[in-house]
Amino acid sequence: MFTGIVEELGTLKGIRRGAASARLTVGAEKVLEDARVGDSIAVNGVCLTVVHFTPQEFTADVMAETLSKSNLGLLNTGERVNLERALRLGDRLGGHIVSGHIDGVGTITRLEKHDIATLVTIRAPREVMRYIIKKGSVAIDGISLTVVDFQADSFQVSLIPHTAHATTLGLKKAGATVNLEGDVIGKYIERLAAFPQNNGGESKISLSFLAEHGFI
């Protein structure tokens, strides 16, 4: 479990591709200060397991399912990546609850400067858009951000200068791909609303029920 608050920018030192998998070697410092084999580190929002490390880099295996659902397989040696260690009990939850399980890959279609901020428009697949709401949370390449607005197949987020400087989003251009993860709370609501009652009837949880009780 993660928060979407990027701890440092790492550098992809190498990628060894298999028939349906890959092994990444990532250069890093801060996230390795208390590292152990078996630890979870989010790489561009994807939860990966450390299989080997030194004080300057770590190695993680990426299975076929992860390659198909994320853009990790498109990375090239030398690219920067967002890194975050797993959340510890007692840590501040500065972003939102992020599982590190990618729902789909989006594409940046536009970047606009608005005074100090940068408005980023991302085209996203339906499996991501179903969880997008105004002022809701979304993880983009592992970065916890707030949705400014959305359309049928895209949404916008706004970057403050710190976020642009401290994450890979400040390096991205129009046409770049990004890993997307919808808010896990929305996923549970969706599941509960669709799940039948014990007597076989429809669930009592609906949008009107949630609005009536102050959830939305």
N, C-alpha and C. Protein backbone atom coordinates (compact mmCIF):
# COMPACT_ATOMS: atom_id res chain seq x y z
N MET A 1 0.84 -1.19 0.00
CA MET A 1 0.00 0.00 0.00
C MET A 1 0.88 1.24 0.00
N PHE A 2 0.47 2.27 -0.78
CA PHE A 2 1.26 3.48 -0.93
C PHE A 2 0.36 4.71 -0.75
N THR A 3 0.97 5.90 -0.81
CA THR A 3 0.21 7.14 -0.63
C THR A 3 0.19 8.00 -1.87
N GLY A 4 1.03 7.71 -2.85
CA GLY A 4 1.12 8.55 -4.03
C GLY A 4 2.00 9.77 -3.84
N ILE A 5 2.77 9.81 -2.76
CA ILE A 5 3.74 10.88 -2.53
C ILE A 5 5.12 10.36 -2.93
N VAL A 6 5.60 10.80 -4.07
CA VAL A 6 6.87 10.30 -4.61
C VAL A 6 8.03 10.72 -3.72
N GLU A 7 8.88 9.76 -3.38
CA GLU A 7 10.01 10.04 -2.48
C GLU A 7 11.27 10.48 -3.23
N GLU A 8 11.46 9.94 -4.41
CA GLU A 8 12.62 10.35 -5.20
C GLU A 8 12.46 9.90 -6.65
N LEU A 9 13.23 10.55 -7.52
CA LEU A 9 13.30 10.14 -8.91
C LEU A 9 14.47 9.18 -9.07
N GLY A 10 14.17 7.96 -9.49
CA GLY A 10 15.22 7.00 -9.77
C GLY A 10 15.55 7.00 -11.25
N THR A 11 16.54 6.20 -11.62
CA THR A 11 16.95 6.09 -13.01
C THR A 11 16.99 4.62 -13.41
N LEU A 12 16.36 4.28 -14.52
CA LEU A 12 16.40 2.90 -15.00
C LEU A 12 17.80 2.59 -15.49
N LYS A 13 18.50 1.70 -14.79
CA LYS A 13 19.86 1.35 -15.16
C LYS A 13 19.91 0.23 -16.20
N GLY A 14 18.87 -0.59 -16.21
CA GLY A 14 18.86 -1.69 -17.18
C GLY A 14 17.52 -2.40 -17.18
N ILE A 15 17.18 -2.98 -18.31
CA ILE A 15 15.98 -3.79 -18.42
C ILE A 15 16.31 -5.03 -19.25
N ARG A 16 16.09 -6.19 -18.65
CA ARG A 16 16.34 -7.46 -19.33
C ARG A 16 15.00 -8.09 -19.63
N ARG A 17 14.67 -8.17 -20.91
CA ARG A 17 13.37 -8.67 -21.33
C ARG A 17 13.41 -10.17 -21.59
N GLY A 18 12.39 -10.86 -21.04
CA GLY A 18 12.22 -12.27 -21.30
C GLY A 18 11.12 -12.48 -22.33
N ALA A 19 10.68 -13.71 -22.49
CA ALA A 19 9.63 -14.01 -23.45
C ALA A 19 8.33 -13.31 -23.09
N ALA A 20 8.01 -13.26 -21.80
CA ALA A 20 6.77 -12.60 -21.36
C ALA A 20 6.96 -11.92 -20.02
N SER A 21 8.18 -11.50 -19.74
CA SER A 21 8.48 -10.87 -18.46
C SER A 21 9.67 -9.93 -18.64
N ALA A 22 10.06 -9.28 -17.56
CA ALA A 22 11.21 -8.39 -17.62
C ALA A 22 11.83 -8.28 -16.24
N ARG A 23 13.08 -7.93 -16.19
CA ARG A 23 13.77 -7.64 -14.92
C ARG A 23 14.34 -6.24 -15.02
N LEU A 24 13.92 -5.38 -14.09
CA LEU A 24 14.36 -3.99 -14.07
C LEU A 24 15.44 -3.78 -13.01
N THR A 25 16.44 -2.99 -13.35
CA THR A 25 17.42 -2.53 -12.38
C THR A 25 17.31 -1.01 -12.31
N VAL A 26 17.04 -0.50 -11.12
CA VAL A 26 16.75 0.92 -10.94
C VAL A 26 17.75 1.55 -9.99
N GLY A 27 18.37 2.62 -10.42
CA GLY A 27 19.27 3.37 -9.56
C GLY A 27 18.49 4.25 -8.61
N ALA A 28 18.84 4.22 -7.32
CA ALA A 28 18.11 4.98 -6.31
C ALA A 28 18.98 5.15 -5.09
N GLU A 29 18.55 6.00 -4.16
CA GLU A 29 19.27 6.21 -2.90
C GLU A 29 18.31 6.18 -1.72
N LYS A 30 17.38 7.15 -1.69
CA LYS A 30 16.53 7.31 -0.50
C LYS A 30 15.69 6.07 -0.22
N VAL A 31 15.07 5.48 -1.26
CA VAL A 31 14.18 4.34 -1.02
C VAL A 31 14.95 3.09 -0.61
N LEU A 32 16.28 3.14 -0.71
CA LEU A 32 17.10 1.98 -0.34
C LEU A 32 17.73 2.13 1.04
N GLU A 33 17.42 3.21 1.74
CA GLU A 33 18.05 3.46 3.04
C GLU A 33 17.76 2.35 4.05
N ASP A 34 16.56 1.76 4.00
CA ASP A 34 16.21 0.69 4.94
C ASP A 34 15.68 -0.53 4.18
N ALA A 35 16.18 -0.72 2.96
CA ALA A 35 15.65 -1.77 2.09
C ALA A 35 16.01 -3.17 2.56
N ARG A 36 15.09 -4.10 2.27
CA ARG A 36 15.32 -5.52 2.49
C ARG A 36 14.78 -6.28 1.28
N VAL A 37 15.35 -7.43 1.00
CA VAL A 37 14.81 -8.27 -0.05
C VAL A 37 13.37 -8.64 0.30
N GLY A 38 12.47 -8.50 -0.66
CA GLY A 38 11.06 -8.76 -0.42
C GLY A 38 10.24 -7.51 -0.17
N ASP A 39 10.90 -6.36 0.01
CA ASP A 39 10.19 -5.10 0.21
C ASP A 39 9.45 -4.70 -1.07
N SER A 40 8.40 -3.91 -0.90
CA SER A 40 7.64 -3.37 -2.03
C SER A 40 8.07 -1.93 -2.29
N ILE A 41 8.34 -1.63 -3.55
CA ILE A 41 8.63 -0.27 -3.99
C ILE A 41 7.79 0.01 -5.22
N ALA A 42 7.08 1.14 -5.22
CA ALA A 42 6.29 1.52 -6.37
C ALA A 42 7.20 2.21 -7.39
N VAL A 43 7.21 1.68 -8.61
CA VAL A 43 7.98 2.24 -9.72
C VAL A 43 6.99 2.76 -10.75
N ASN A 44 6.91 4.08 -10.87
CA ASN A 44 5.89 4.70 -11.73
C ASN A 44 4.50 4.19 -11.39
N GLY A 45 4.27 4.00 -10.09
CA GLY A 45 2.96 3.58 -9.62
C GLY A 45 2.71 2.10 -9.60
N VAL A 46 3.66 1.30 -10.07
CA VAL A 46 3.50 -0.15 -10.10
C VAL A 46 4.21 -0.77 -8.90
N CYS A 47 3.49 -1.51 -8.09
CA CYS A 47 4.08 -2.16 -6.92
C CYS A 47 4.97 -3.32 -7.38
N LEU A 48 6.28 -3.20 -7.11
CA LEU A 48 7.24 -4.24 -7.46
C LEU A 48 7.96 -4.73 -6.21
N THR A 49 8.46 -5.96 -6.27
CA THR A 49 9.15 -6.58 -5.14
C THR A 49 10.65 -6.56 -5.36
N VAL A 50 11.38 -6.08 -4.37
CA VAL A 50 12.83 -6.04 -4.45
C VAL A 50 13.39 -7.47 -4.34
N VAL A 51 14.13 -7.90 -5.36
CA VAL A 51 14.73 -9.24 -5.33
C VAL A 51 16.24 -9.17 -5.08
N HIS A 52 16.82 -8.01 -5.28
CA HIS A 52 18.25 -7.81 -5.01
C HIS A 52 18.50 -6.31 -4.92
N PHE A 53 19.46 -5.92 -4.07
CA PHE A 53 19.77 -4.49 -3.98
C PHE A 53 21.19 -4.26 -3.48
N THR A 54 21.69 -3.09 -3.81
CA THR A 54 22.94 -2.56 -3.27
C THR A 54 22.59 -1.17 -2.74
N PRO A 55 23.54 -0.45 -2.14
CA PRO A 55 23.21 0.91 -1.67
C PRO A 55 22.83 1.88 -2.79
N GLN A 56 23.12 1.51 -4.04
CA GLN A 56 22.86 2.44 -5.15
C GLN A 56 21.79 1.98 -6.14
N GLU A 57 21.31 0.73 -6.04
CA GLU A 57 20.32 0.26 -7.01
C GLU A 57 19.59 -0.96 -6.49
N PHE A 58 18.44 -1.25 -7.11
CA PHE A 58 17.71 -2.46 -6.77
C PHE A 58 17.16 -3.10 -8.04
N THR A 59 16.87 -4.39 -7.92
CA THR A 59 16.36 -5.16 -9.05
C THR A 59 14.99 -5.72 -8.70
N ALA A 60 14.08 -5.71 -9.68
CA ALA A 60 12.73 -6.24 -9.48
C ALA A 60 12.28 -6.94 -10.74
N ASP A 61 11.54 -8.03 -10.56
CA ASP A 61 10.98 -8.76 -11.69
C ASP A 61 9.58 -8.24 -12.02
N VAL A 62 9.25 -8.21 -13.30
CA VAL A 62 7.95 -7.75 -13.76
C VAL A 62 7.32 -8.89 -14.57
N MET A 63 6.15 -9.37 -14.12
CA MET A 63 5.52 -10.48 -14.81
C MET A 63 4.69 -10.00 -16.00
N ALA A 64 4.20 -10.95 -16.79
CA ALA A 64 3.50 -10.63 -18.03
C ALA A 64 2.26 -9.78 -17.79
N GLU A 65 1.48 -10.09 -16.75
CA GLU A 65 0.26 -9.34 -16.45
C GLU A 65 0.57 -7.87 -16.19
N THR A 66 1.65 -7.61 -15.45
CA THR A 66 2.03 -6.24 -15.15
C THR A 66 2.50 -5.51 -16.40
N LEU A 67 3.24 -6.19 -17.25
CA LEU A 67 3.69 -5.57 -18.50
C LEU A 67 2.53 -5.21 -19.40
N SER A 68 1.49 -6.05 -19.40
CA SER A 68 0.34 -5.79 -20.29
C SER A 68 -0.55 -4.67 -19.77
N LYS A 69 -0.56 -4.43 -18.45
CA LYS A 69 -1.44 -3.43 -17.86
C LYS A 69 -0.75 -2.10 -17.56
N SER A 70 0.56 -2.02 -17.77
CA SER A 70 1.31 -0.81 -17.45
C SER A 70 2.23 -0.44 -18.61
N ASN A 71 2.94 0.68 -18.44
CA ASN A 71 3.89 1.09 -19.48
C ASN A 71 5.33 0.76 -19.12
N LEU A 72 5.54 -0.11 -18.13
CA LEU A 72 6.90 -0.43 -17.71
C LEU A 72 7.70 -1.07 -18.84
N GLY A 73 7.02 -1.85 -19.68
CA GLY A 73 7.71 -2.50 -20.78
C GLY A 73 8.19 -1.53 -21.85
N LEU A 74 7.70 -0.29 -21.82
CA LEU A 74 8.09 0.72 -22.81
C LEU A 74 9.27 1.56 -22.35
N LEU A 75 9.70 1.36 -21.10
CA LEU A 75 10.81 2.15 -20.57
C LEU A 75 12.12 1.81 -21.26
N ASN A 76 12.99 2.80 -21.35
CA ASN A 76 14.33 2.62 -21.90
C ASN A 76 15.37 2.97 -20.86
N THR A 77 16.54 2.37 -20.98
CA THR A 77 17.64 2.64 -20.06
C THR A 77 17.94 4.14 -20.02
N GLY A 78 18.09 4.66 -18.82
CA GLY A 78 18.38 6.07 -18.64
C GLY A 78 17.17 6.91 -18.29
N GLU A 79 15.96 6.36 -18.47
CA GLU A 79 14.75 7.11 -18.15
C GLU A 79 14.59 7.26 -16.64
N ARG A 80 13.98 8.39 -16.23
CA ARG A 80 13.70 8.63 -14.83
C ARG A 80 12.37 7.98 -14.46
N VAL A 81 12.27 7.51 -13.23
CA VAL A 81 11.05 6.85 -12.75
C VAL A 81 10.72 7.35 -11.34
N ASN A 82 9.42 7.43 -11.04
CA ASN A 82 8.96 7.82 -9.72
C ASN A 82 9.07 6.64 -8.76
N LEU A 83 9.58 6.88 -7.57
CA LEU A 83 9.79 5.81 -6.59
C LEU A 83 9.14 6.17 -5.25
N GLU A 84 8.51 5.18 -4.65
CA GLU A 84 7.94 5.35 -3.31
C GLU A 84 7.97 4.02 -2.58
N ARG A 85 8.43 4.05 -1.33
CA ARG A 85 8.39 2.86 -0.48
C ARG A 85 6.97 2.62 0.02
N ALA A 86 6.71 1.39 0.43
CA ALA A 86 5.39 1.04 0.95
C ALA A 86 5.09 1.84 2.22
N LEU A 87 3.81 2.13 2.40
CA LEU A 87 3.34 2.88 3.58
C LEU A 87 3.56 2.07 4.85
N ARG A 88 4.01 2.73 5.90
CA ARG A 88 4.12 2.11 7.22
C ARG A 88 3.02 2.63 8.13
N LEU A 89 2.51 1.78 9.00
CA LEU A 89 1.50 2.22 9.96
C LEU A 89 2.08 3.35 10.81
N GLY A 90 1.32 4.42 10.93
CA GLY A 90 1.79 5.58 11.67
C GLY A 90 2.32 6.69 10.79
N ASP A 91 2.57 6.39 9.47
CA ASP A 91 3.01 7.44 8.56
C ASP A 91 1.86 8.40 8.25
N ARG A 92 2.21 9.62 7.88
CA ARG A 92 1.20 10.56 7.42
C ARG A 92 0.68 10.11 6.04
N LEU A 93 -0.63 10.20 5.85
CA LEU A 93 -1.23 9.86 4.56
C LEU A 93 -1.43 11.16 3.80
N GLY A 94 -0.32 11.64 3.22
CA GLY A 94 -0.36 12.94 2.56
C GLY A 94 -1.07 12.94 1.23
N GLY A 95 -1.18 11.77 0.58
CA GLY A 95 -1.87 11.69 -0.70
C GLY A 95 -3.21 11.00 -0.54
N HIS A 96 -3.35 9.80 -1.11
CA HIS A 96 -4.53 8.98 -0.89
C HIS A 96 -4.11 7.52 -0.93
N ILE A 97 -5.02 6.61 -0.66
CA ILE A 97 -4.67 5.19 -0.63
C ILE A 97 -4.43 4.69 -2.04
N VAL A 98 -3.20 4.24 -2.30
CA VAL A 98 -2.79 3.75 -3.62
C VAL A 98 -2.31 2.31 -3.46
N SER A 99 -2.86 1.41 -4.26
CA SER A 99 -2.52 -0.01 -4.12
C SER A 99 -1.30 -0.41 -4.92
N GLY A 100 -0.97 0.35 -5.96
CA GLY A 100 0.14 -0.03 -6.83
C GLY A 100 -0.28 -1.03 -7.90
N HIS A 101 -1.60 -1.20 -8.09
CA HIS A 101 -2.14 -2.09 -9.12
C HIS A 101 -2.77 -1.23 -10.20
N ILE A 102 -2.18 -1.22 -11.37
CA ILE A 102 -2.56 -0.30 -12.43
C ILE A 102 -3.86 -0.75 -13.11
N ASP A 103 -4.76 0.22 -13.33
CA ASP A 103 -6.03 -0.06 -14.01
C ASP A 103 -5.93 0.09 -15.52
N GLY A 104 -5.02 0.92 -15.99
CA GLY A 104 -4.88 1.14 -17.41
C GLY A 104 -3.80 2.17 -17.71
N VAL A 105 -3.47 2.28 -18.99
CA VAL A 105 -2.45 3.24 -19.44
C VAL A 105 -3.14 4.39 -20.17
N GLY A 106 -2.81 5.62 -19.78
CA GLY A 106 -3.36 6.80 -20.43
C GLY A 106 -2.31 7.50 -21.28
N THR A 107 -2.76 8.49 -22.03
CA THR A 107 -1.86 9.27 -22.89
C THR A 107 -2.06 10.75 -22.63
N ILE A 108 -0.97 11.47 -22.40
CA ILE A 108 -1.04 12.91 -22.23
C ILE A 108 -1.35 13.54 -23.59
N THR A 109 -2.42 14.31 -23.65
CA THR A 109 -2.81 14.94 -24.92
C THR A 109 -2.54 16.43 -24.96
N ARG A 110 -2.41 17.06 -23.77
CA ARG A 110 -2.22 18.50 -23.76
C ARG A 110 -1.61 18.95 -22.45
N LEU A 111 -0.74 19.96 -22.51
CA LEU A 111 -0.18 20.61 -21.33
C LEU A 111 -0.32 22.11 -21.52
N GLU A 112 -0.94 22.77 -20.53
CA GLU A 112 -1.18 24.21 -20.61
C GLU A 112 -0.69 24.88 -19.35
N LYS A 113 0.01 25.98 -19.51
CA LYS A 113 0.47 26.76 -18.37
C LYS A 113 -0.63 27.71 -17.91
N HIS A 114 -0.90 27.70 -16.61
CA HIS A 114 -1.84 28.63 -16.00
C HIS A 114 -1.11 29.27 -14.81
N ASP A 115 -0.50 30.42 -15.05
CA ASP A 115 0.30 31.09 -14.04
C ASP A 115 1.40 30.13 -13.57
N ILE A 116 1.43 29.76 -12.29
CA ILE A 116 2.50 28.87 -11.82
C ILE A 116 2.18 27.40 -12.07
N ALA A 117 0.92 27.09 -12.38
CA ALA A 117 0.49 25.69 -12.51
C ALA A 117 0.53 25.22 -13.96
N THR A 118 0.54 23.91 -14.12
CA THR A 118 0.45 23.28 -15.44
C THR A 118 -0.76 22.37 -15.45
N LEU A 119 -1.70 22.63 -16.36
CA LEU A 119 -2.90 21.81 -16.51
C LEU A 119 -2.59 20.70 -17.51
N VAL A 120 -2.73 19.47 -17.05
CA VAL A 120 -2.41 18.31 -17.88
C VAL A 120 -3.69 17.56 -18.23
N THR A 121 -3.91 17.34 -19.53
CA THR A 121 -5.07 16.57 -19.98
C THR A 121 -4.60 15.17 -20.37
N ILE A 122 -5.30 14.15 -19.86
CA ILE A 122 -4.92 12.77 -20.09
C ILE A 122 -6.10 12.00 -20.67
N ARG A 123 -5.88 11.39 -21.83
CA ARG A 123 -6.89 10.49 -22.39
C ARG A 123 -6.74 9.13 -21.72
N ALA A 124 -7.86 8.59 -21.23
CA ALA A 124 -7.82 7.38 -20.42
C ALA A 124 -8.83 6.36 -20.91
N PRO A 125 -8.55 5.08 -20.71
CA PRO A 125 -9.51 4.03 -21.10
C PRO A 125 -10.71 4.00 -20.17
N ARG A 126 -11.77 3.34 -20.61
CA ARG A 126 -13.03 3.30 -19.87
C ARG A 126 -12.84 2.72 -18.47
N GLU A 127 -11.96 1.72 -18.33
CA GLU A 127 -11.77 1.08 -17.03
C GLU A 127 -11.16 2.03 -15.99
N VAL A 128 -10.61 3.15 -16.44
CA VAL A 128 -10.12 4.19 -15.54
C VAL A 128 -11.16 5.29 -15.38
N MET A 129 -11.76 5.70 -16.49
CA MET A 129 -12.72 6.81 -16.46
C MET A 129 -13.91 6.53 -15.56
N ARG A 130 -14.27 5.29 -15.36
CA ARG A 130 -15.43 4.96 -14.52
C ARG A 130 -15.22 5.38 -13.07
N TYR A 131 -13.95 5.61 -12.66
CA TYR A 131 -13.66 6.01 -11.28
C TYR A 131 -13.26 7.48 -11.17
N ILE A 132 -13.37 8.23 -12.27
CA ILE A 132 -12.95 9.63 -12.26
C ILE A 132 -14.13 10.52 -11.90
N ILE A 133 -13.96 11.36 -10.87
CA ILE A 133 -14.95 12.35 -10.49
C ILE A 133 -14.23 13.66 -10.19
N LYS A 134 -14.96 14.78 -10.30
CA LYS A 134 -14.36 16.08 -9.97
C LYS A 134 -13.95 16.10 -8.51
N LYS A 135 -12.77 16.62 -8.26
CA LYS A 135 -12.17 16.72 -6.93
C LYS A 135 -11.80 15.36 -6.35
N GLY A 136 -11.95 14.30 -7.14
CA GLY A 136 -11.56 12.97 -6.68
C GLY A 136 -10.07 12.74 -6.86
N SER A 137 -9.60 11.63 -6.33
CA SER A 137 -8.18 11.30 -6.40
C SER A 137 -7.89 10.31 -7.52
N VAL A 138 -6.71 10.45 -8.12
CA VAL A 138 -6.24 9.51 -9.14
C VAL A 138 -4.72 9.44 -9.01
N ALA A 139 -4.17 8.26 -9.25
CA ALA A 139 -2.71 8.09 -9.23
C ALA A 139 -2.22 8.05 -10.67
N ILE A 140 -1.31 8.95 -11.01
CA ILE A 140 -0.73 9.03 -12.35
C ILE A 140 0.76 8.75 -12.24
N ASP A 141 1.20 7.63 -12.81
CA ASP A 141 2.59 7.18 -12.64
C ASP A 141 2.97 7.18 -11.16
N GLY A 142 2.00 6.82 -10.31
CA GLY A 142 2.26 6.71 -8.88
C GLY A 142 2.15 8.01 -8.12
N ILE A 143 1.72 9.09 -8.78
CA ILE A 143 1.61 10.40 -8.13
C ILE A 143 0.16 10.65 -7.75
N SER A 144 -0.10 10.93 -6.50
CA SER A 144 -1.45 11.25 -6.05
C SER A 144 -1.82 12.65 -6.49
N LEU A 145 -2.89 12.75 -7.33
CA LEU A 145 -3.32 14.04 -7.85
C LEU A 145 -4.84 14.15 -7.75
N THR A 146 -5.32 15.39 -7.80
CA THR A 146 -6.74 15.68 -7.71
C THR A 146 -7.29 16.02 -9.09
N VAL A 147 -8.42 15.40 -9.44
CA VAL A 147 -9.06 15.65 -10.73
C VAL A 147 -9.68 17.05 -10.74
N VAL A 148 -9.31 17.86 -11.74
CA VAL A 148 -9.87 19.20 -11.89
C VAL A 148 -11.20 19.13 -12.64
N ASP A 149 -11.21 18.37 -13.73
CA ASP A 149 -12.42 18.22 -14.53
C ASP A 149 -12.26 16.98 -15.39
N PHE A 150 -13.35 16.55 -16.04
CA PHE A 150 -13.27 15.38 -16.90
C PHE A 150 -14.30 15.44 -18.01
N GLN A 151 -14.03 14.71 -19.08
CA GLN A 151 -14.93 14.53 -20.20
C GLN A 151 -15.18 13.03 -20.37
N ALA A 152 -15.79 12.63 -21.47
CA ALA A 152 -16.16 11.23 -21.65
C ALA A 152 -14.96 10.30 -21.64
N ASP A 153 -13.85 10.73 -22.25
CA ASP A 153 -12.69 9.84 -22.36
C ASP A 153 -11.38 10.49 -21.92
N SER A 154 -11.47 11.57 -21.14
CA SER A 154 -10.25 12.23 -20.68
C SER A 154 -10.53 13.02 -19.40
N PHE A 155 -9.46 13.41 -18.73
CA PHE A 155 -9.60 14.22 -17.52
C PHE A 155 -8.39 15.12 -17.38
N GLN A 156 -8.52 16.12 -16.49
CA GLN A 156 -7.45 17.08 -16.27
C GLN A 156 -7.00 17.08 -14.81
N VAL A 157 -5.71 17.27 -14.62
CA VAL A 157 -5.13 17.50 -13.30
C VAL A 157 -4.23 18.73 -13.40
N SER A 158 -3.98 19.36 -12.27
CA SER A 158 -3.15 20.56 -12.24
C SER A 158 -1.90 20.29 -11.41
N LEU A 159 -0.74 20.63 -11.96
CA LEU A 159 0.53 20.41 -11.27
C LEU A 159 1.06 21.72 -10.70
N ILE A 160 1.38 21.72 -9.42
CA ILE A 160 2.11 22.85 -8.85
C ILE A 160 3.59 22.68 -9.22
N PRO A 161 4.39 23.75 -9.17
CA PRO A 161 5.80 23.63 -9.56
C PRO A 161 6.55 22.53 -8.82
N HIS A 162 6.27 22.32 -7.53
CA HIS A 162 6.98 21.29 -6.78
C HIS A 162 6.74 19.91 -7.38
N THR A 163 5.48 19.60 -7.70
CA THR A 163 5.16 18.29 -8.28
C THR A 163 5.84 18.11 -9.63
N ALA A 164 5.82 19.16 -10.45
CA ALA A 164 6.47 19.08 -11.76
C ALA A 164 7.98 18.85 -11.62
N HIS A 165 8.58 19.45 -10.59
CA HIS A 165 10.03 19.31 -10.39
C HIS A 165 10.41 17.98 -9.76
N ALA A 166 9.58 17.48 -8.85
CA ALA A 166 9.94 16.30 -8.05
C ALA A 166 9.48 14.98 -8.66
N THR A 167 8.76 15.01 -9.78
CA THR A 167 8.25 13.79 -10.38
C THR A 167 8.51 13.79 -11.88
N THR A 168 8.24 12.65 -12.51
CA THR A 168 8.46 12.52 -13.95
C THR A 168 7.45 13.31 -14.77
N LEU A 169 6.32 13.73 -14.17
CA LEU A 169 5.33 14.48 -14.95
C LEU A 169 5.90 15.80 -15.46
N GLY A 170 6.85 16.35 -14.74
CA GLY A 170 7.49 17.58 -15.20
C GLY A 170 8.37 17.36 -16.42
N LEU A 171 8.69 16.11 -16.73
CA LEU A 171 9.53 15.78 -17.88
C LEU A 171 8.73 15.30 -19.08
N LYS A 172 7.44 15.02 -18.87
CA LYS A 172 6.62 14.43 -19.93
C LYS A 172 6.14 15.48 -20.93
N LYS A 173 5.96 15.03 -22.16
CA LYS A 173 5.41 15.86 -23.23
C LYS A 173 4.12 15.24 -23.74
N ALA A 174 3.37 15.99 -24.55
CA ALA A 174 2.16 15.46 -25.16
C ALA A 174 2.52 14.22 -25.97
N GLY A 175 1.72 13.17 -25.83
CA GLY A 175 1.98 11.90 -26.50
C GLY A 175 2.58 10.86 -25.59
N ALA A 176 3.10 11.27 -24.44
CA ALA A 176 3.70 10.33 -23.49
C ALA A 176 2.62 9.50 -22.80
N THR A 177 2.96 8.26 -22.47
CA THR A 177 2.02 7.39 -21.76
C THR A 177 2.26 7.47 -20.26
N VAL A 178 1.18 7.20 -19.49
CA VAL A 178 1.27 7.23 -18.03
C VAL A 178 0.44 6.09 -17.46
N ASN A 179 0.91 5.52 -16.35
CA ASN A 179 0.15 4.50 -15.65
C ASN A 179 -0.93 5.16 -14.80
N LEU A 180 -2.13 4.58 -14.83
CA LEU A 180 -3.26 5.17 -14.11
C LEU A 180 -3.88 4.16 -13.15
N GLU A 181 -4.19 4.64 -11.94
CA GLU A 181 -4.90 3.82 -10.96
C GLU A 181 -6.03 4.64 -10.36
N GLY A 182 -7.26 4.12 -10.49
CA GLY A 182 -8.42 4.80 -9.93
C GLY A 182 -8.48 4.65 -8.42
N ASP A 183 -9.30 5.48 -7.79
CA ASP A 183 -9.44 5.48 -6.34
C ASP A 183 -10.04 4.15 -5.87
N VAL A 184 -9.35 3.49 -4.97
CA VAL A 184 -9.80 2.18 -4.50
C VAL A 184 -11.14 2.25 -3.78
N ILE A 185 -11.46 3.38 -3.17
CA ILE A 185 -12.75 3.52 -2.49
C ILE A 185 -13.89 3.45 -3.51
N GLY A 186 -13.69 4.08 -4.66
CA GLY A 186 -14.69 4.02 -5.72
C GLY A 186 -14.91 2.60 -6.21
N LYS A 187 -13.85 1.81 -6.23
CA LYS A 187 -13.98 0.42 -6.69
C LYS A 187 -14.82 -0.40 -5.73
N TYR A 188 -14.64 -0.18 -4.44
CA TYR A 188 -15.44 -0.91 -3.45
C TYR A 188 -16.90 -0.49 -3.50
N ILE A 189 -17.13 0.82 -3.70
CA ILE A 189 -18.51 1.29 -3.81
C ILE A 189 -19.18 0.65 -5.02
N GLU A 190 -18.47 0.61 -6.13
CA GLU A 190 -19.02 0.00 -7.35
C GLU A 190 -19.37 -1.46 -7.12
N ARG A 191 -18.50 -2.18 -6.46
CA ARG A 191 -18.74 -3.60 -6.20
C ARG A 191 -19.93 -3.80 -5.27
N LEU A 192 -20.00 -3.02 -4.20
CA LEU A 192 -21.10 -3.15 -3.25
C LEU A 192 -22.45 -2.79 -3.89
N ALA A 193 -22.43 -1.77 -4.76
CA ALA A 193 -23.67 -1.36 -5.41
C ALA A 193 -24.19 -2.43 -6.35
N ALA A 194 -23.29 -3.23 -6.91
CA ALA A 194 -23.70 -4.26 -7.88
C ALA A 194 -23.96 -5.61 -7.23
N PHE A 195 -23.50 -5.80 -5.99
CA PHE A 195 -23.59 -7.12 -5.36
C PHE A 195 -25.01 -7.37 -4.84
N PRO A 196 -25.62 -8.50 -5.17
CA PRO A 196 -27.00 -8.77 -4.75
C PRO A 196 -27.11 -9.02 -3.25
N GLN A 197 -28.31 -8.78 -2.70
CA GLN A 197 -28.59 -9.06 -1.30
C GLN A 197 -28.70 -10.57 -1.08
N ASN A 198 -28.71 -10.97 0.19
CA ASN A 198 -28.80 -12.39 0.52
C ASN A 198 -30.06 -13.05 -0.04
N ASN A 199 -31.12 -12.26 -0.16
CA ASN A 199 -32.38 -12.82 -0.67
C ASN A 199 -32.45 -12.79 -2.19
N GLY A 200 -31.34 -12.37 -2.81
CA GLY A 200 -31.29 -12.35 -4.26
C GLY A 200 -31.74 -11.04 -4.87
N GLY A 201 -32.22 -10.11 -4.03
CA GLY A 201 -32.66 -8.82 -4.54
C GLY A 201 -31.50 -7.90 -4.85
N GLU A 202 -31.83 -6.74 -5.38
CA GLU A 202 -30.80 -5.77 -5.73
C GLU A 202 -30.19 -5.15 -4.48
N SER A 203 -28.95 -4.72 -4.60
CA SER A 203 -28.28 -4.05 -3.49
C SER A 203 -29.01 -2.76 -3.13
N LYS A 204 -29.03 -2.44 -1.85
CA LYS A 204 -29.67 -1.21 -1.38
C LYS A 204 -28.77 0.01 -1.57
N ILE A 205 -27.50 -0.25 -1.91
CA ILE A 205 -26.57 0.85 -2.10
C ILE A 205 -26.69 1.36 -3.53
N SER A 206 -27.00 2.63 -3.67
CA SER A 206 -27.15 3.26 -4.98
C SER A 206 -26.60 4.67 -4.89
N LEU A 207 -26.53 5.38 -6.03
CA LEU A 207 -26.05 6.76 -6.01
C LEU A 207 -26.95 7.64 -5.15
N SER A 208 -28.27 7.41 -5.23
CA SER A 208 -29.19 8.21 -4.41
C SER A 208 -29.01 7.91 -2.93
N PHE A 209 -28.76 6.64 -2.59
CA PHE A 209 -28.51 6.26 -1.19
C PHE A 209 -27.25 6.94 -0.67
N LEU A 210 -26.18 6.92 -1.47
CA LEU A 210 -24.91 7.53 -1.05
C LEU A 210 -25.07 9.04 -0.89
N ALA A 211 -25.81 9.68 -1.81
CA ALA A 211 -26.02 11.12 -1.72
C ALA A 211 -26.85 11.46 -0.49
N GLU A 212 -27.89 10.67 -0.24
CA GLU A 212 -28.78 10.92 0.91
C GLU A 212 -28.03 10.86 2.23
N HIS A 213 -27.02 9.99 2.30
CA HIS A 213 -26.29 9.81 3.56
C HIS A 213 -24.95 10.55 3.58
N GLY A 214 -24.76 11.45 2.63
CA GLY A 214 -23.60 12.34 2.67
C GLY A 214 -22.31 11.79 2.16
N PHE A 215 -22.33 10.66 1.41
CA PHE A 215 -21.08 10.09 0.90
C PHE A 215 -20.63 10.76 -0.39
N ILE A 216 -21.58 11.31 -1.16
CA ILE A 216 -21.21 11.99 -2.39
C ILE A 216 -21.99 13.31 -2.49
